[in-house]
Amino acid sequence: MEFRSARHTNDLGLITDFYTSIIGLDILFNFENHNGYSGVFLGKANHSWHLEFTSSKTQAHHVFDSEDLLVFYPLEKSEYDTIIERIEKYNIKKNRPNNPFWMDNGVYIKDPDGFGIIVSNFKLK
């Protein structure tokens, strides 16, 4: 089975920059003005998952809370450290997660749409 998480955004460029520059995802595919939508697929090559972000004339109205999270598990300490360095370099605010597990096992930030992101150190080698 493959997995895609799709979300509409009001600023496709900003969200793409965040997930590529901060989280370190790659642009796997993008499209412009396909039936009024533009979009980008972000992920890692040769993985069975990716994130899709789209934009159109329709404005996104997100409704989520602090428990709605995307959780990224870097597998190498160097990858985790690089993401943390980028978070600090770009002065991205670290938030306090509701779940105490994430307090001990990761960093909680928000993407440009305000959606919660955990960068976890739980599975590091």
PDB file of N, CA and C in Angstrom:
ATOM      1  N   MET A   1       0.830  -1.168   0.000  1.00  0.00           N
ATOM      2  CA  MET A   1       0.000   0.000   0.000  1.00  0.00           C
ATOM      3  C   MET A   1       0.881   1.240   0.000  1.00  0.00           C
ATOM      4  N   GLU A   2       0.459   2.222  -0.735  1.00  0.00           N
ATOM      5  CA  GLU A   2       1.131   3.508  -0.733  1.00  0.00           C
ATOM      6  C   GLU A   2       0.267   4.500   0.030  1.00  0.00           C
ATOM      7  N   PHE A   3       0.873   5.595   0.461  1.00  0.00           N
ATOM      8  CA  PHE A   3       0.153   6.581   1.260  1.00  0.00           C
ATOM      9  C   PHE A   3       0.440   7.985   0.756  1.00  0.00           C
ATOM     10  N   ARG A   4      -0.604   8.783   0.668  1.00  0.00           N
ATOM     11  CA  ARG A   4      -0.478  10.200   0.338  1.00  0.00           C
ATOM     12  C   ARG A   4      -1.357  10.980   1.306  1.00  0.00           C
ATOM     13  N   SER A   5      -0.804  12.012   1.873  1.00  0.00           N
ATOM     14  CA  SER A   5      -1.578  12.960   2.654  1.00  0.00           C
ATOM     15  C   SER A   5      -1.721  14.204   1.794  1.00  0.00           C
ATOM     16  N   ALA A   6      -2.953  14.612   1.532  1.00  0.00           N
ATOM     17  CA  ALA A   6      -3.205  15.760   0.656  1.00  0.00           C
ATOM     18  C   ALA A   6      -3.842  16.886   1.457  1.00  0.00           C
ATOM     19  N   ARG A   7      -3.382  18.097   1.204  1.00  0.00           N
ATOM     20  CA  ARG A   7      -3.922  19.267   1.908  1.00  0.00           C
ATOM     21  C   ARG A   7      -3.862  20.478   0.998  1.00  0.00           C
ATOM     22  N   HIS A   8      -4.904  21.259   1.036  1.00  0.00           N
ATOM     23  CA  HIS A   8      -4.980  22.508   0.282  1.00  0.00           C
ATOM     24  C   HIS A   8      -4.287  23.603   1.093  1.00  0.00           C
ATOM     25  N   THR A   9      -3.634  24.531   0.432  1.00  0.00           N
ATOM     26  CA  THR A   9      -2.929  25.614   1.101  1.00  0.00           C
ATOM     27  C   THR A   9      -3.169  26.920   0.360  1.00  0.00           C
ATOM     28  N   ASN A  10      -3.044  28.010   1.069  1.00  0.00           N
ATOM     29  CA  ASN A  10      -3.195  29.326   0.442  1.00  0.00           C
ATOM     30  C   ASN A  10      -1.876  29.866  -0.095  1.00  0.00           C
ATOM     31  N   ASP A  11      -0.748  29.231   0.258  1.00  0.00           N
ATOM     32  CA  ASP A  11       0.560  29.694  -0.205  1.00  0.00           C
ATOM     33  C   ASP A  11       1.440  28.496  -0.538  1.00  0.00           C
ATOM     34  N   LEU A  12       1.289  28.007  -1.750  1.00  0.00           N
ATOM     35  CA  LEU A  12       1.998  26.809  -2.188  1.00  0.00           C
ATOM     36  C   LEU A  12       3.518  26.989  -2.141  1.00  0.00           C
ATOM     37  N   GLY A  13       3.996  28.168  -2.518  1.00  0.00           N
ATOM     38  CA  GLY A  13       5.435  28.419  -2.496  1.00  0.00           C
ATOM     39  C   GLY A  13       6.003  28.374  -1.093  1.00  0.00           C
ATOM     40  N   LEU A  14       5.326  29.005  -0.154  1.00  0.00           N
ATOM     41  CA  LEU A  14       5.796  29.046   1.235  1.00  0.00           C
ATOM     42  C   LEU A  14       5.789  27.658   1.858  1.00  0.00           C
ATOM     43  N   ILE A  15       4.725  26.903   1.619  1.00  0.00           N
ATOM     44  CA  ILE A  15       4.641  25.568   2.210  1.00  0.00           C
ATOM     45  C   ILE A  15       5.681  24.635   1.587  1.00  0.00           C
ATOM     46  N   THR A  16       5.931  24.788   0.285  1.00  0.00           N
ATOM     47  CA  THR A  16       6.963  23.981  -0.382  1.00  0.00           C
ATOM     48  C   THR A  16       8.338  24.313   0.183  1.00  0.00           C
ATOM     49  N   ASP A  17       8.634  25.603   0.333  1.00  0.00           N
ATOM     50  CA  ASP A  17       9.919  26.010   0.908  1.00  0.00           C
ATOM     51  C   ASP A  17      10.108  25.439   2.307  1.00  0.00           C
ATOM     52  N   PHE A  18       9.064  25.477   3.124  1.00  0.00           N
ATOM     53  CA  PHE A  18       9.164  24.968   4.494  1.00  0.00           C
ATOM     54  C   PHE A  18       9.535  23.485   4.496  1.00  0.00           C
ATOM     55  N   TYR A  19       8.772  22.681   3.759  1.00  0.00           N
ATOM     56  CA  TYR A  19       8.993  21.238   3.815  1.00  0.00           C
ATOM     57  C   TYR A  19      10.275  20.795   3.113  1.00  0.00           C
ATOM     58  N   THR A  20      10.758  21.576   2.160  1.00  0.00           N
ATOM     59  CA  THR A  20      12.027  21.229   1.518  1.00  0.00           C
ATOM     60  C   THR A  20      13.205  21.809   2.296  1.00  0.00           C
ATOM     61  N   SER A  21      13.129  23.077   2.684  1.00  0.00           N
ATOM     62  CA  SER A  21      14.260  23.748   3.335  1.00  0.00           C
ATOM     63  C   SER A  21      14.418  23.395   4.806  1.00  0.00           C
ATOM     64  N   ILE A  22      13.324  23.188   5.516  1.00  0.00           N
ATOM     65  CA  ILE A  22      13.397  22.904   6.949  1.00  0.00           C
ATOM     66  C   ILE A  22      13.368  21.399   7.215  1.00  0.00           C
ATOM     67  N   ILE A  23      12.360  20.729   6.714  1.00  0.00           N
ATOM     68  CA  ILE A  23      12.205  19.301   6.988  1.00  0.00           C
ATOM     69  C   ILE A  23      13.130  18.458   6.118  1.00  0.00           C
ATOM     70  N   GLY A  24      13.489  18.953   4.940  1.00  0.00           N
ATOM     71  CA  GLY A  24      14.430  18.242   4.084  1.00  0.00           C
ATOM     72  C   GLY A  24      13.789  17.281   3.100  1.00  0.00           C
ATOM     73  N   LEU A  25      12.498  17.487   2.805  1.00  0.00           N
ATOM     74  CA  LEU A  25      11.850  16.647   1.805  1.00  0.00           C
ATOM     75  C   LEU A  25      12.243  17.091   0.406  1.00  0.00           C
ATOM     76  N   ASP A  26      12.061  16.200  -0.540  1.00  0.00           N
ATOM     77  CA  ASP A  26      12.367  16.468  -1.937  1.00  0.00           C
ATOM     78  C   ASP A  26      11.076  16.718  -2.706  1.00  0.00           C
ATOM     79  N   ILE A  27      11.159  17.508  -3.759  1.00  0.00           N
ATOM     80  CA  ILE A  27      10.036  17.677  -4.670  1.00  0.00           C
ATOM     81  C   ILE A  27      10.038  16.463  -5.595  1.00  0.00           C
ATOM     82  N   LEU A  28       8.999  15.651  -5.490  1.00  0.00           N
ATOM     83  CA  LEU A  28       8.892  14.438  -6.302  1.00  0.00           C
ATOM     84  C   LEU A  28       8.173  14.711  -7.618  1.00  0.00           C
ATOM     85  N   PHE A  29       7.241  15.657  -7.590  1.00  0.00           N
ATOM     86  CA  PHE A  29       6.451  15.984  -8.769  1.00  0.00           C
ATOM     87  C   PHE A  29       5.720  17.285  -8.472  1.00  0.00           C
ATOM     88  N   ASN A  30       5.492  18.080  -9.502  1.00  0.00           N
ATOM     89  CA  ASN A  30       4.640  19.252  -9.326  1.00  0.00           C
ATOM     90  C   ASN A  30       3.834  19.470 -10.599  1.00  0.00           C
ATOM     91  N   PHE A  31       2.785  20.240 -10.471  1.00  0.00           N
ATOM     92  CA  PHE A  31       1.926  20.529 -11.610  1.00  0.00           C
ATOM     93  C   PHE A  31       1.339  21.921 -11.460  1.00  0.00           C
ATOM     94  N   GLU A  32       0.992  22.514 -12.592  1.00  0.00           N
ATOM     95  CA  GLU A  32       0.410  23.860 -12.587  1.00  0.00           C
ATOM     96  C   GLU A  32      -0.872  23.872 -13.402  1.00  0.00           C
ATOM     97  N   ASN A  33      -1.871  24.533 -12.843  1.00  0.00           N
ATOM     98  CA  ASN A  33      -3.145  24.779 -13.497  1.00  0.00           C
ATOM     99  C   ASN A  33      -3.739  23.519 -14.139  1.00  0.00           C
ATOM    100  N   HIS A  34      -3.811  22.459 -13.377  1.00  0.00           N
ATOM    101  CA  HIS A  34      -4.495  21.238 -13.813  1.00  0.00           C
ATOM    102  C   HIS A  34      -5.928  21.309 -13.289  1.00  0.00           C
ATOM    103  N   ASN A  35      -6.859  21.617 -14.170  1.00  0.00           N
ATOM    104  CA  ASN A  35      -8.256  21.809 -13.778  1.00  0.00           C
ATOM    105  C   ASN A  35      -8.403  22.875 -12.691  1.00  0.00           C
ATOM    106  N   GLY A  36      -7.588  23.917 -12.783  1.00  0.00           N
ATOM    107  CA  GLY A  36      -7.664  25.021 -11.834  1.00  0.00           C
ATOM    108  C   GLY A  36      -6.822  24.839 -10.581  1.00  0.00           C
ATOM    109  N   TYR A  37      -6.104  23.735 -10.475  1.00  0.00           N
ATOM    110  CA  TYR A  37      -5.266  23.458  -9.305  1.00  0.00           C
ATOM    111  C   TYR A  37      -3.803  23.415  -9.707  1.00  0.00           C
ATOM    112  N   SER A  38      -2.962  23.900  -8.803  1.00  0.00           N
ATOM    113  CA  SER A  38      -1.525  23.696  -8.890  1.00  0.00           C
ATOM    114  C   SER A  38      -1.129  22.903  -7.652  1.00  0.00           C
ATOM    115  N   GLY A  39      -0.037  22.161  -7.750  1.00  0.00           N
ATOM    116  CA  GLY A  39       0.326  21.350  -6.594  1.00  0.00           C
ATOM    117  C   GLY A  39       1.737  20.826  -6.651  1.00  0.00           C
ATOM    118  N   VAL A  40       2.116  20.226  -5.540  1.00  0.00           N
ATOM    119  CA  VAL A  40       3.446  19.652  -5.397  1.00  0.00           C
ATOM    120  C   VAL A  40       3.336  18.392  -4.541  1.00  0.00           C
ATOM    121  N   PHE A  41       4.112  17.366  -4.922  1.00  0.00           N
ATOM    122  CA  PHE A  41       4.242  16.157  -4.123  1.00  0.00           C
ATOM    123  C   PHE A  41       5.622  16.208  -3.482  1.00  0.00           C
ATOM    124  N   LEU A  42       5.663  16.076  -2.173  1.00  0.00           N
ATOM    125  CA  LEU A  42       6.911  16.151  -1.413  1.00  0.00           C
ATOM    126  C   LEU A  42       7.135  14.857  -0.658  1.00  0.00           C
ATOM    127  N   GLY A  43       8.372  14.413  -0.615  1.00  0.00           N
ATOM    128  CA  GLY A  43       8.684  13.192   0.120  1.00  0.00           C
ATOM    129  C   GLY A  43      10.141  12.834  -0.065  1.00  0.00           C
ATOM    130  N   LYS A  44      10.406  11.561  -0.044  1.00  0.00           N
ATOM    131  CA  LYS A  44      11.741  11.014  -0.271  1.00  0.00           C
ATOM    132  C   LYS A  44      11.643   9.992  -1.390  1.00  0.00           C
ATOM    133  N   ALA A  45      12.565  10.060  -2.316  1.00  0.00           N
ATOM    134  CA  ALA A  45      12.563   9.123  -3.446  1.00  0.00           C
ATOM    135  C   ALA A  45      12.562   7.685  -2.939  1.00  0.00           C
ATOM    136  N   ASN A  46      11.866   6.828  -3.647  1.00  0.00           N
ATOM    137  CA  ASN A  46      11.813   5.398  -3.357  1.00  0.00           C
ATOM    138  C   ASN A  46      11.138   5.048  -2.035  1.00  0.00           C
ATOM    139  N   HIS A  47      10.329   5.955  -1.508  1.00  0.00           N
ATOM    140  CA  HIS A  47       9.500   5.660  -0.336  1.00  0.00           C
ATOM    141  C   HIS A  47       8.056   5.534  -0.809  1.00  0.00           C
ATOM    142  N   SER A  48       7.238   4.843  -0.055  1.00  0.00           N
ATOM    143  CA  SER A  48       5.857   4.590  -0.473  1.00  0.00           C
ATOM    144  C   SER A  48       4.878   5.609   0.106  1.00  0.00           C
ATOM    145  N   TRP A  49       5.342   6.791   0.431  1.00  0.00           N
ATOM    146  CA  TRP A  49       4.484   7.848   0.961  1.00  0.00           C
ATOM    147  C   TRP A  49       4.919   9.184   0.396  1.00  0.00           C
ATOM    148  N   HIS A  50       4.023  10.136   0.415  1.00  0.00           N
ATOM    149  CA  HIS A  50       4.384  11.524   0.107  1.00  0.00           C
ATOM    150  C   HIS A  50       3.266  12.447   0.565  1.00  0.00           C
ATOM    151  N   LEU A  51       3.612  13.708   0.668  1.00  0.00           N
ATOM    152  CA  LEU A  51       2.659  14.760   0.992  1.00  0.00           C
ATOM    153  C   LEU A  51       2.304  15.485  -0.294  1.00  0.00           C
ATOM    154  N   GLU A  52       1.040  15.781  -0.464  1.00  0.00           N
ATOM    155  CA  GLU A  52       0.603  16.579  -1.604  1.00  0.00           C
ATOM    156  C   GLU A  52      -0.008  17.870  -1.070  1.00  0.00           C
ATOM    157  N   PHE A  53       0.443  18.977  -1.611  1.00  0.00           N
ATOM    158  CA  PHE A  53      -0.146  20.272  -1.291  1.00  0.00           C
ATOM    159  C   PHE A  53      -0.671  20.869  -2.580  1.00  0.00           C
ATOM    160  N   THR A  54      -1.881  21.401  -2.524  1.00  0.00           N
ATOM    161  CA  THR A  54      -2.491  22.020  -3.695  1.00  0.00           C
ATOM    162  C   THR A  54      -2.934  23.434  -3.369  1.00  0.00           C
ATOM    163  N   SER A  55      -3.086  24.223  -4.425  1.00  0.00           N
ATOM    164  CA  SER A  55      -3.661  25.561  -4.280  1.00  0.00           C
ATOM    165  C   SER A  55      -4.569  25.805  -5.486  1.00  0.00           C
ATOM    166  N   SER A  56      -5.531  26.678  -5.292  1.00  0.00           N
ATOM    167  CA  SER A  56      -6.461  27.054  -6.349  1.00  0.00           C
ATOM    168  C   SER A  56      -7.081  28.395  -5.960  1.00  0.00           C
ATOM    169  N   LYS A  57      -8.090  28.801  -6.695  1.00  0.00           N
ATOM    170  CA  LYS A  57      -8.797  30.041  -6.349  1.00  0.00           C
ATOM    171  C   LYS A  57      -9.601  29.883  -5.059  1.00  0.00           C
ATOM    172  N   THR A  58      -9.896  28.654  -4.687  1.00  0.00           N
ATOM    173  CA  THR A  58     -10.619  28.384  -3.448  1.00  0.00           C
ATOM    174  C   THR A  58      -9.659  28.526  -2.264  1.00  0.00           C
ATOM    175  N   GLN A  59     -10.026  29.335  -1.305  1.00  0.00           N
ATOM    176  CA  GLN A  59      -9.183  29.545  -0.129  1.00  0.00           C
ATOM    177  C   GLN A  59      -9.304  28.363   0.839  1.00  0.00           C
ATOM    178  N   ALA A  60      -8.187  27.973   1.419  1.00  0.00           N
ATOM    179  CA  ALA A  60      -8.164  26.912   2.429  1.00  0.00           C
ATOM    180  C   ALA A  60      -8.627  27.496   3.764  1.00  0.00           C
ATOM    181  N   HIS A  61      -9.435  26.748   4.464  1.00  0.00           N
ATOM    182  CA  HIS A  61      -9.895  27.117   5.814  1.00  0.00           C
ATOM    183  C   HIS A  61      -9.643  25.904   6.706  1.00  0.00           C
ATOM    184  N   HIS A  62      -8.455  25.846   7.281  1.00  0.00           N
ATOM    185  CA  HIS A  62      -8.048  24.690   8.075  1.00  0.00           C
ATOM    186  C   HIS A  62      -8.680  24.715   9.459  1.00  0.00           C
ATOM    187  N   VAL A  63      -9.108  23.543   9.878  1.00  0.00           N
ATOM    188  CA  VAL A  63      -9.620  23.370  11.231  1.00  0.00           C
ATOM    189  C   VAL A  63      -8.909  22.146  11.814  1.00  0.00           C
ATOM    190  N   PHE A  64      -7.976  22.395  12.707  1.00  0.00           N
ATOM    191  CA  PHE A  64      -7.272  21.313  13.364  1.00  0.00           C
ATOM    192  C   PHE A  64      -6.849  21.798  14.740  1.00  0.00           C
ATOM    193  N   ASP A  65      -6.441  20.878  15.590  1.00  0.00           N
ATOM    194  CA  ASP A  65      -6.011  21.261  16.928  1.00  0.00           C
ATOM    195  C   ASP A  65      -4.594  20.746  17.192  1.00  0.00           C
ATOM    196  N   SER A  66      -4.129  20.937  18.404  1.00  0.00           N
ATOM    197  CA  SER A  66      -2.733  20.614  18.731  1.00  0.00           C
ATOM    198  C   SER A  66      -2.440  19.115  18.737  1.00  0.00           C
ATOM    199  N   GLU A  67      -3.448  18.276  18.623  1.00  0.00           N
ATOM    200  CA  GLU A  67      -3.229  16.830  18.549  1.00  0.00           C
ATOM    201  C   GLU A  67      -3.186  16.324  17.105  1.00  0.00           C
ATOM    202  N   ASP A  68      -3.508  17.185  16.141  1.00  0.00           N
ATOM    203  CA  ASP A  68      -3.421  16.825  14.725  1.00  0.00           C
ATOM    204  C   ASP A  68      -2.005  17.124  14.263  1.00  0.00           C
ATOM    205  N   LEU A  69      -1.218  16.079  14.042  1.00  0.00           N
ATOM    206  CA  LEU A  69       0.214  16.242  13.801  1.00  0.00           C
ATOM    207  C   LEU A  69       0.700  15.402  12.634  1.00  0.00           C
ATOM    208  N   LEU A  70       1.693  15.915  11.939  1.00  0.00           N
ATOM    209  CA  LEU A  70       2.524  15.091  11.067  1.00  0.00           C
ATOM    210  C   LEU A  70       3.789  14.803  11.861  1.00  0.00           C
ATOM    211  N   VAL A  71       4.175  13.544  11.930  1.00  0.00           N
ATOM    212  CA  VAL A  71       5.351  13.155  12.711  1.00  0.00           C
ATOM    213  C   VAL A  71       6.403  12.602  11.756  1.00  0.00           C
ATOM    214  N   PHE A  72       7.572  13.198  11.796  1.00  0.00           N
ATOM    215  CA  PHE A  72       8.697  12.764  10.979  1.00  0.00           C
ATOM    216  C   PHE A  72       9.726  12.108  11.887  1.00  0.00           C
ATOM    217  N   TYR A  73      10.192  10.926  11.481  1.00  0.00           N
ATOM    218  CA  TYR A  73      11.177  10.160  12.228  1.00  0.00           C
ATOM    219  C   TYR A  73      12.477  10.078  11.437  1.00  0.00           C
ATOM    220  N   PRO A  74      13.370  11.047  11.584  1.00  0.00           N
ATOM    221  CA  PRO A  74      14.683  10.878  10.948  1.00  0.00           C
ATOM    222  C   PRO A  74      15.325   9.597  11.485  1.00  0.00           C
ATOM    223  N   LEU A  75      15.996   8.863  10.618  1.00  0.00           N
ATOM    224  CA  LEU A  75      16.574   7.593  11.039  1.00  0.00           C
ATOM    225  C   LEU A  75      18.030   7.720  11.462  1.00  0.00           C
ATOM    226  N   GLU A  76      18.650   8.824  11.139  1.00  0.00           N
ATOM    227  CA  GLU A  76      20.043   9.057  11.518  1.00  0.00           C
ATOM    228  C   GLU A  76      20.126  10.315  12.373  1.00  0.00           C
ATOM    229  N   LYS A  77      20.982  10.288  13.369  1.00  0.00           N
ATOM    230  CA  LYS A  77      21.148  11.446  14.245  1.00  0.00           C
ATOM    231  C   LYS A  77      21.569  12.680  13.454  1.00  0.00           C
ATOM    232  N   SER A  78      22.404  12.491  12.448  1.00  0.00           N
ATOM    233  CA  SER A  78      22.863  13.628  11.651  1.00  0.00           C
ATOM    234  C   SER A  78      21.701  14.297  10.919  1.00  0.00           C
ATOM    235  N   GLU A  79      20.740  13.511  10.427  1.00  0.00           N
ATOM    236  CA  GLU A  79      19.568  14.081   9.763  1.00  0.00           C
ATOM    237  C   GLU A  79      18.719  14.857  10.760  1.00  0.00           C
ATOM    238  N   TYR A  80      18.515  14.292  11.945  1.00  0.00           N
ATOM    239  CA  TYR A  80      17.762  14.979  12.999  1.00  0.00           C
ATOM    240  C   TYR A  80      18.459  16.290  13.367  1.00  0.00           C
ATOM    241  N   ASP A  81      19.757  16.230  13.611  1.00  0.00           N
ATOM    242  CA  ASP A  81      20.521  17.425  13.986  1.00  0.00           C
ATOM    243  C   ASP A  81      20.446  18.507  12.918  1.00  0.00           C
ATOM    244  N   THR A  82      20.487  18.116  11.655  1.00  0.00           N
ATOM    245  CA  THR A  82      20.393  19.085  10.552  1.00  0.00           C
ATOM    246  C   THR A  82      19.041  19.793  10.570  1.00  0.00           C
ATOM    247  N   ILE A  83      17.966  19.043  10.784  1.00  0.00           N
ATOM    248  CA  ILE A  83      16.639  19.659  10.844  1.00  0.00           C
ATOM    249  C   ILE A  83      16.551  20.623  12.022  1.00  0.00           C
ATOM    250  N   ILE A  84      17.060  20.225  13.169  1.00  0.00           N
ATOM    251  CA  ILE A  84      17.035  21.097  14.353  1.00  0.00           C
ATOM    252  C   ILE A  84      17.852  22.362  14.089  1.00  0.00           C
ATOM    253  N   GLU A  85      18.998  22.233  13.437  1.00  0.00           N
ATOM    254  CA  GLU A  85      19.806  23.410  13.084  1.00  0.00           C
ATOM    255  C   GLU A  85      19.030  24.356  12.172  1.00  0.00           C
ATOM    256  N   ARG A  86      18.294  23.812  11.216  1.00  0.00           N
ATOM    257  CA  ARG A  86      17.491  24.654  10.320  1.00  0.00           C
ATOM    258  C   ARG A  86      16.372  25.350  11.079  1.00  0.00           C
ATOM    259  N   ILE A  87      15.732  24.644  11.990  1.00  0.00           N
ATOM    260  CA  ILE A  87      14.669  25.238  12.811  1.00  0.00           C
ATOM    261  C   ILE A  87      15.226  26.434  13.573  1.00  0.00           C
ATOM    262  N   GLU A  88      16.393  26.267  14.145  1.00  0.00           N
ATOM    263  CA  GLU A  88      17.012  27.353  14.912  1.00  0.00           C
ATOM    264  C   GLU A  88      17.494  28.476  13.990  1.00  0.00           C
ATOM    265  N   LYS A  89      18.090  28.128  12.864  1.00  0.00           N
ATOM    266  CA  LYS A  89      18.593  29.134  11.922  1.00  0.00           C
ATOM    267  C   LYS A  89      17.472  30.048  11.429  1.00  0.00           C
ATOM    268  N   TYR A  90      16.306  29.473  11.153  1.00  0.00           N
ATOM    269  CA  TYR A  90      15.184  30.254  10.627  1.00  0.00           C
ATOM    270  C   TYR A  90      14.233  30.740  11.721  1.00  0.00           C
ATOM    271  N   ASN A  91      14.669  30.608  12.980  1.00  0.00           N
ATOM    272  CA  ASN A  91      13.894  31.099  14.133  1.00  0.00           C
ATOM    273  C   ASN A  91      12.457  30.598  14.130  1.00  0.00           C
ATOM    274  N   ILE A  92      12.291  29.325  13.853  1.00  0.00           N
ATOM    275  CA  ILE A  92      10.964  28.723  13.895  1.00  0.00           C
ATOM    276  C   ILE A  92      10.643  28.398  15.350  1.00  0.00           C
ATOM    277  N   LYS A  93       9.503  28.883  15.773  1.00  0.00           N
ATOM    278  CA  LYS A  93       9.105  28.727  17.177  1.00  0.00           C
ATOM    279  C   LYS A  93       8.890  27.258  17.519  1.00  0.00           C
ATOM    280  N   LYS A  94       9.482  26.841  18.644  1.00  0.00           N
ATOM    281  CA  LYS A  94       9.238  25.506  19.181  1.00  0.00           C
ATOM    282  C   LYS A  94       8.056  25.626  20.142  1.00  0.00           C
ATOM    283  N   ASN A  95       7.121  24.713  20.025  1.00  0.00           N
ATOM    284  CA  ASN A  95       5.913  24.731  20.836  1.00  0.00           C
ATOM    285  C   ASN A  95       5.950  23.617  21.867  1.00  0.00           C
ATOM    286  N   ARG A  96       5.094  23.732  22.849  1.00  0.00           N
ATOM    287  CA  ARG A  96       4.977  22.699  23.877  1.00  0.00           C
ATOM    288  C   ARG A  96       3.855  21.746  23.464  1.00  0.00           C
ATOM    289  N   PRO A  97       4.200  20.481  23.228  1.00  0.00           N
ATOM    290  CA  PRO A  97       3.160  19.528  22.834  1.00  0.00           C
ATOM    291  C   PRO A  97       2.260  19.153  24.008  1.00  0.00           C
ATOM    292  N   ASN A  98       1.021  18.805  23.719  1.00  0.00           N
ATOM    293  CA  ASN A  98       0.114  18.327  24.768  1.00  0.00           C
ATOM    294  C   ASN A  98       0.535  16.955  25.271  1.00  0.00           C
ATOM    295  N   ASN A  99       0.946  16.103  24.362  1.00  0.00           N
ATOM    296  CA  ASN A  99       1.333  14.741  24.704  1.00  0.00           C
ATOM    297  C   ASN A  99       2.754  14.753  25.269  1.00  0.00           C
ATOM    298  N   PRO A 100       2.929  14.327  26.521  1.00  0.00           N
ATOM    299  CA  PRO A 100       4.269  14.369  27.129  1.00  0.00           C
ATOM    300  C   PRO A 100       5.295  13.495  26.409  1.00  0.00           C
ATOM    301  N   PHE A 101       4.840  12.480  25.667  1.00  0.00           N
ATOM    302  CA  PHE A 101       5.771  11.652  24.914  1.00  0.00           C
ATOM    303  C   PHE A 101       6.599  12.498  23.965  1.00  0.00           C
ATOM    304  N   TRP A 102       5.938  13.454  23.284  1.00  0.00           N
ATOM    305  CA  TRP A 102       6.650  14.288  22.316  1.00  0.00           C
ATOM    306  C   TRP A 102       7.575  15.277  22.998  1.00  0.00           C
ATOM    307  N   MET A 103       7.294  15.631  24.224  1.00  0.00           N
ATOM    308  CA  MET A 103       8.183  16.523  24.968  1.00  0.00           C
ATOM    309  C   MET A 103       9.546  15.864  25.164  1.00  0.00           C
ATOM    310  N   ASP A 104       9.530  14.544  25.386  1.00  0.00           N
ATOM    311  CA  ASP A 104      10.762  13.788  25.626  1.00  0.00           C
ATOM    312  C   ASP A 104      11.380  13.224  24.353  1.00  0.00           C
ATOM    313  N   ASN A 105      10.604  13.159  23.277  1.00  0.00           N
ATOM    314  CA  ASN A 105      11.044  12.427  22.088  1.00  0.00           C
ATOM    315  C   ASN A 105      10.935  13.220  20.798  1.00  0.00           C
ATOM    316  N   GLY A 106      11.042  14.526  20.881  1.00  0.00           N
ATOM    317  CA  GLY A 106      10.989  15.292  19.652  1.00  0.00           C
ATOM    318  C   GLY A 106      10.847  16.778  19.868  1.00  0.00           C
ATOM    319  N   VAL A 107      10.656  17.470  18.772  1.00  0.00           N
ATOM    320  CA  VAL A 107      10.456  18.917  18.765  1.00  0.00           C
ATOM    321  C   VAL A 107       9.149  19.186  18.033  1.00  0.00           C
ATOM    322  N   TYR A 108       8.328  20.061  18.611  1.00  0.00           N
ATOM    323  CA  TYR A 108       7.022  20.395  18.050  1.00  0.00           C
ATOM    324  C   TYR A 108       7.079  21.802  17.459  1.00  0.00           C
ATOM    325  N   ILE A 109       6.865  21.891  16.142  1.00  0.00           N
ATOM    326  CA  ILE A 109       6.826  23.170  15.455  1.00  0.00           C
ATOM    327  C   ILE A 109       5.541  23.218  14.625  1.00  0.00           C
ATOM    328  N   LYS A 110       5.294  24.326  13.981  1.00  0.00           N
ATOM    329  CA  LYS A 110       4.139  24.447  13.098  1.00  0.00           C
ATOM    330  C   LYS A 110       4.600  24.867  11.713  1.00  0.00           C
ATOM    331  N   ASP A 111       3.917  24.328  10.701  1.00  0.00           N
ATOM    332  CA  ASP A 111       4.235  24.722   9.338  1.00  0.00           C
ATOM    333  C   ASP A 111       3.561  26.062   9.028  1.00  0.00           C
ATOM    334  N   PRO A 112       3.800  26.650   7.870  1.00  0.00           N
ATOM    335  CA  PRO A 112       3.228  27.968   7.555  1.00  0.00           C
ATOM    336  C   PRO A 112       1.701  28.031   7.582  1.00  0.00           C
ATOM    337  N   ASP A 113       1.024  26.890   7.447  1.00  0.00           N
ATOM    338  CA  ASP A 113      -0.433  26.861   7.555  1.00  0.00           C
ATOM    339  C   ASP A 113      -0.896  26.749   9.006  1.00  0.00           C
ATOM    340  N   GLY A 114       0.042  26.574   9.940  1.00  0.00           N
ATOM    341  CA  GLY A 114      -0.297  26.418  11.351  1.00  0.00           C
ATOM    342  C   GLY A 114      -0.509  24.977  11.768  1.00  0.00           C
ATOM    343  N   PHE A 115      -0.207  24.041  10.868  1.00  0.00           N
ATOM    344  CA  PHE A 115      -0.392  22.627  11.163  1.00  0.00           C
ATOM    345  C   PHE A 115       0.798  22.118  11.970  1.00  0.00           C
ATOM    346  N   GLY A 116       0.537  21.304  13.012  1.00  0.00           N
ATOM    347  CA  GLY A 116       1.584  20.800  13.893  1.00  0.00           C
ATOM    348  C   GLY A 116       2.485  19.764  13.257  1.00  0.00           C
ATOM    349  N   ILE A 117       3.768  19.907  13.523  1.00  0.00           N
ATOM    350  CA  ILE A 117       4.814  18.999  13.022  1.00  0.00           C
ATOM    351  C   ILE A 117       5.649  18.547  14.223  1.00  0.00           C
ATOM    352  N   ILE A 118       5.857  17.267  14.325  1.00  0.00           N
ATOM    353  CA  ILE A 118       6.815  16.718  15.287  1.00  0.00           C
ATOM    354  C   ILE A 118       8.001  16.185  14.506  1.00  0.00           C
ATOM    355  N   VAL A 119       9.185  16.597  14.880  1.00  0.00           N
ATOM    356  CA  VAL A 119      10.409  15.991  14.374  1.00  0.00           C
ATOM    357  C   VAL A 119      10.917  15.155  15.545  1.00  0.00           C
ATOM    358  N   SER A 120      10.819  13.850  15.396  1.00  0.00           N
ATOM    359  CA  SER A 120      11.076  12.939  16.511  1.00  0.00           C
ATOM    360  C   SER A 120      12.502  12.416  16.512  1.00  0.00           C
ATOM    361  N   ASN A 121      13.037  12.255  17.711  1.00  0.00           N
ATOM    362  CA  ASN A 121      14.354  11.636  17.881  1.00  0.00           C
ATOM    363  C   ASN A 121      14.211  10.214  18.419  1.00  0.00           C
ATOM    364  N   PHE A 122      12.994   9.672  18.383  1.00  0.00           N
ATOM    365  CA  PHE A 122      12.683   8.387  18.999  1.00  0.00           C
ATOM    366  C   PHE A 122      13.369   7.199  18.336  1.00  0.00           C
ATOM    367  N   LYS A 123      13.516   7.216  17.017  1.00  0.00           N
ATOM    368  CA  LYS A 123      14.055   6.056  16.296  1.00  0.00           C
ATOM    369  C   LYS A 123      15.488   6.263  15.806  1.00  0.00           C
ATOM    370  N   LEU A 124      16.205   7.168  16.429  1.00  0.00           N
ATOM    371  CA  LEU A 124      17.556   7.476  15.947  1.00  0.00           C
ATOM    372  C   LEU A 124      18.514   6.337  16.188  1.00  0.00           C
ATOM    373  N   LYS A 125      19.429   6.163  15.231  1.00  0.00           N
ATOM    374  CA  LYS A 125      20.494   5.174  15.349  1.00  0.00           C
ATOM    375  C   LYS A 125      21.700   5.811  15.971  1.00  0.00           C
TER     376      LYS A 125
END
